[in-house]
Amino acid sequence: MDFAKSSELILNVLDSHGKLSQKQIANRSKIPKRTVRYNLRQLIEKGLVRESLVWDDLRQKQFERGAGFCLIQC
């Protein structure tokens, strides 16, 4: 499966840092927020990323690696 470089970078950031918000992913990866949002949606559909609510602030979401297959050496 071919993935955009930005998707691979997002997965690497999530592997390194665990659960992060969309804003945190954008800051750590230096990818624009809009691109992060698009790629997260694609990765969620493929099962590579999971989305969960932040219980302290239900307006926010956190993202972490899903149980999907690994793109890069795991």
C-alpha atoms as a PDB file:
ATOM      1  CA  MET A   1       0.000   0.000   0.000  1.00  0.00           C
ATOM      2  CA  ASP A   2       1.326   3.437  -0.895  1.00  0.00           C
ATOM      3  CA  PHE A   3       1.022   6.222   1.637  1.00  0.00           C
ATOM      4  CA  ALA A   4       1.872   9.885   1.470  1.00  0.00           C
ATOM      5  CA  LYS A   5       5.040  10.984   3.259  1.00  0.00           C
ATOM      6  CA  SER A   6       2.900  13.031   5.624  1.00  0.00           C
ATOM      7  CA  SER A   7       0.933   9.916   6.650  1.00  0.00           C
ATOM      8  CA  GLU A   8       4.151   8.049   7.387  1.00  0.00           C
ATOM      9  CA  LEU A   9       5.428  10.993   9.405  1.00  0.00           C
ATOM     10  CA  ILE A  10       2.194  11.153  11.426  1.00  0.00           C
ATOM     11  CA  LEU A  11       2.474   7.435  12.198  1.00  0.00           C
ATOM     12  CA  ASN A  12       6.095   7.890  13.289  1.00  0.00           C
ATOM     13  CA  VAL A  13       5.123  10.776  15.584  1.00  0.00           C
ATOM     14  CA  LEU A  14       2.341   8.692  17.151  1.00  0.00           C
ATOM     15  CA  ASP A  15       4.717   5.747  17.591  1.00  0.00           C
ATOM     16  CA  SER A  16       7.224   7.992  19.354  1.00  0.00           C
ATOM     17  CA  HIS A  17       4.856   9.998  21.552  1.00  0.00           C
ATOM     18  CA  GLY A  18       1.727   7.888  22.122  1.00  0.00           C
ATOM     19  CA  LYS A  19      -1.645   9.685  22.364  1.00  0.00           C
ATOM     20  CA  LEU A  20      -1.614  13.189  20.909  1.00  0.00           C
ATOM     21  CA  SER A  21      -4.120  15.803  19.826  1.00  0.00           C
ATOM     22  CA  GLN A  22      -4.302  16.979  16.225  1.00  0.00           C
ATOM     23  CA  LYS A  23      -2.573  20.216  17.215  1.00  0.00           C
ATOM     24  CA  GLN A  24       0.251  18.348  18.972  1.00  0.00           C
ATOM     25  CA  ILE A  25       0.763  16.122  15.918  1.00  0.00           C
ATOM     26  CA  ALA A  26       0.941  19.197  13.666  1.00  0.00           C
ATOM     27  CA  ASN A  27       3.457  20.910  15.969  1.00  0.00           C
ATOM     28  CA  ARG A  28       5.731  17.878  16.352  1.00  0.00           C
ATOM     29  CA  SER A  29       5.640  16.872  12.690  1.00  0.00           C
ATOM     30  CA  LYS A  30       5.754  20.426  11.235  1.00  0.00           C
ATOM     31  CA  ILE A  31       2.866  19.454   8.924  1.00  0.00           C
ATOM     32  CA  PRO A  32       0.012  21.967   8.400  1.00  0.00           C
ATOM     33  CA  LYS A  33      -3.081  21.296  10.550  1.00  0.00           C
ATOM     34  CA  ARG A  34      -5.308  20.841   7.519  1.00  0.00           C
ATOM     35  CA  THR A  35      -2.971  18.181   6.084  1.00  0.00           C
ATOM     36  CA  VAL A  36      -2.823  16.435   9.463  1.00  0.00           C
ATOM     37  CA  ARG A  37      -6.638  16.425   9.659  1.00  0.00           C
ATOM     38  CA  TYR A  38      -6.948  14.920   6.146  1.00  0.00           C
ATOM     39  CA  ASN A  39      -4.313  12.250   6.768  1.00  0.00           C
ATOM     40  CA  LEU A  40      -5.726  11.304  10.170  1.00  0.00           C
ATOM     41  CA  ARG A  41      -9.128  10.708   8.573  1.00  0.00           C
ATOM     42  CA  GLN A  42      -7.521   8.435   5.959  1.00  0.00           C
ATOM     43  CA  LEU A  43      -5.491   6.559   8.583  1.00  0.00           C
ATOM     44  CA  ILE A  44      -8.557   6.076  10.812  1.00  0.00           C
ATOM     45  CA  GLU A  45     -10.502   4.573   7.875  1.00  0.00           C
ATOM     46  CA  LYS A  46      -7.656   2.100   7.291  1.00  0.00           C
ATOM     47  CA  GLY A  47      -7.533   1.152  10.984  1.00  0.00           C
ATOM     48  CA  LEU A  48      -4.002   2.453  11.489  1.00  0.00           C
ATOM     49  CA  VAL A  49      -5.016   5.206  13.916  1.00  0.00           C
ATOM     50  CA  ARG A  50      -7.634   5.269  16.681  1.00  0.00           C
ATOM     51  CA  GLU A  51      -9.519   8.346  17.826  1.00  0.00           C
ATOM     52  CA  SER A  52     -10.715   8.898  21.397  1.00  0.00           C
ATOM     53  CA  LEU A  53     -12.312  11.718  23.386  1.00  0.00           C
ATOM     54  CA  VAL A  54     -10.479  13.693  26.047  1.00  0.00           C
ATOM     55  CA  TRP A  55     -12.771  13.263  29.063  1.00  0.00           C
ATOM     56  CA  ASP A  56     -11.645  16.522  30.696  1.00  0.00           C
ATOM     57  CA  ASP A  57     -12.697  18.466  27.580  1.00  0.00           C
ATOM     58  CA  LEU A  58     -15.158  16.641  25.339  1.00  0.00           C
ATOM     59  CA  ARG A  59     -14.514  19.089  22.489  1.00  0.00           C
ATOM     60  CA  GLN A  60     -11.039  17.634  22.022  1.00  0.00           C
ATOM     61  CA  LYS A  61      -9.908  14.316  20.589  1.00  0.00           C
ATOM     62  CA  GLN A  62      -6.722  12.317  20.942  1.00  0.00           C
ATOM     63  CA  PHE A  63      -5.199  10.010  18.390  1.00  0.00           C
ATOM     64  CA  GLU A  64      -3.022   6.927  18.806  1.00  0.00           C
ATOM     65  CA  ARG A  65      -1.773   4.054  16.692  1.00  0.00           C
ATOM     66  CA  GLY A  66      -4.452   1.505  15.876  1.00  0.00           C
ATOM     67  CA  ALA A  67      -4.165  -2.240  15.588  1.00  0.00           C
ATOM     68  CA  GLY A  68      -3.757  -2.166  11.786  1.00  0.00           C
ATOM     69  CA  PHE A  69      -0.733  -3.553   9.987  1.00  0.00           C
ATOM     70  CA  CYS A  70       2.644  -1.841  10.204  1.00  0.00           C
ATOM     71  CA  LEU A  71       3.972   0.196   7.278  1.00  0.00           C
ATOM     72  CA  ILE A  72       7.528   0.433   8.442  1.00  0.00           C
ATOM     73  CA  GLN A  73       9.637  -2.059  10.367  1.00  0.00           C
ATOM     74  CA  CYS A  74       7.865  -2.623  13.682  1.00  0.00           C
END
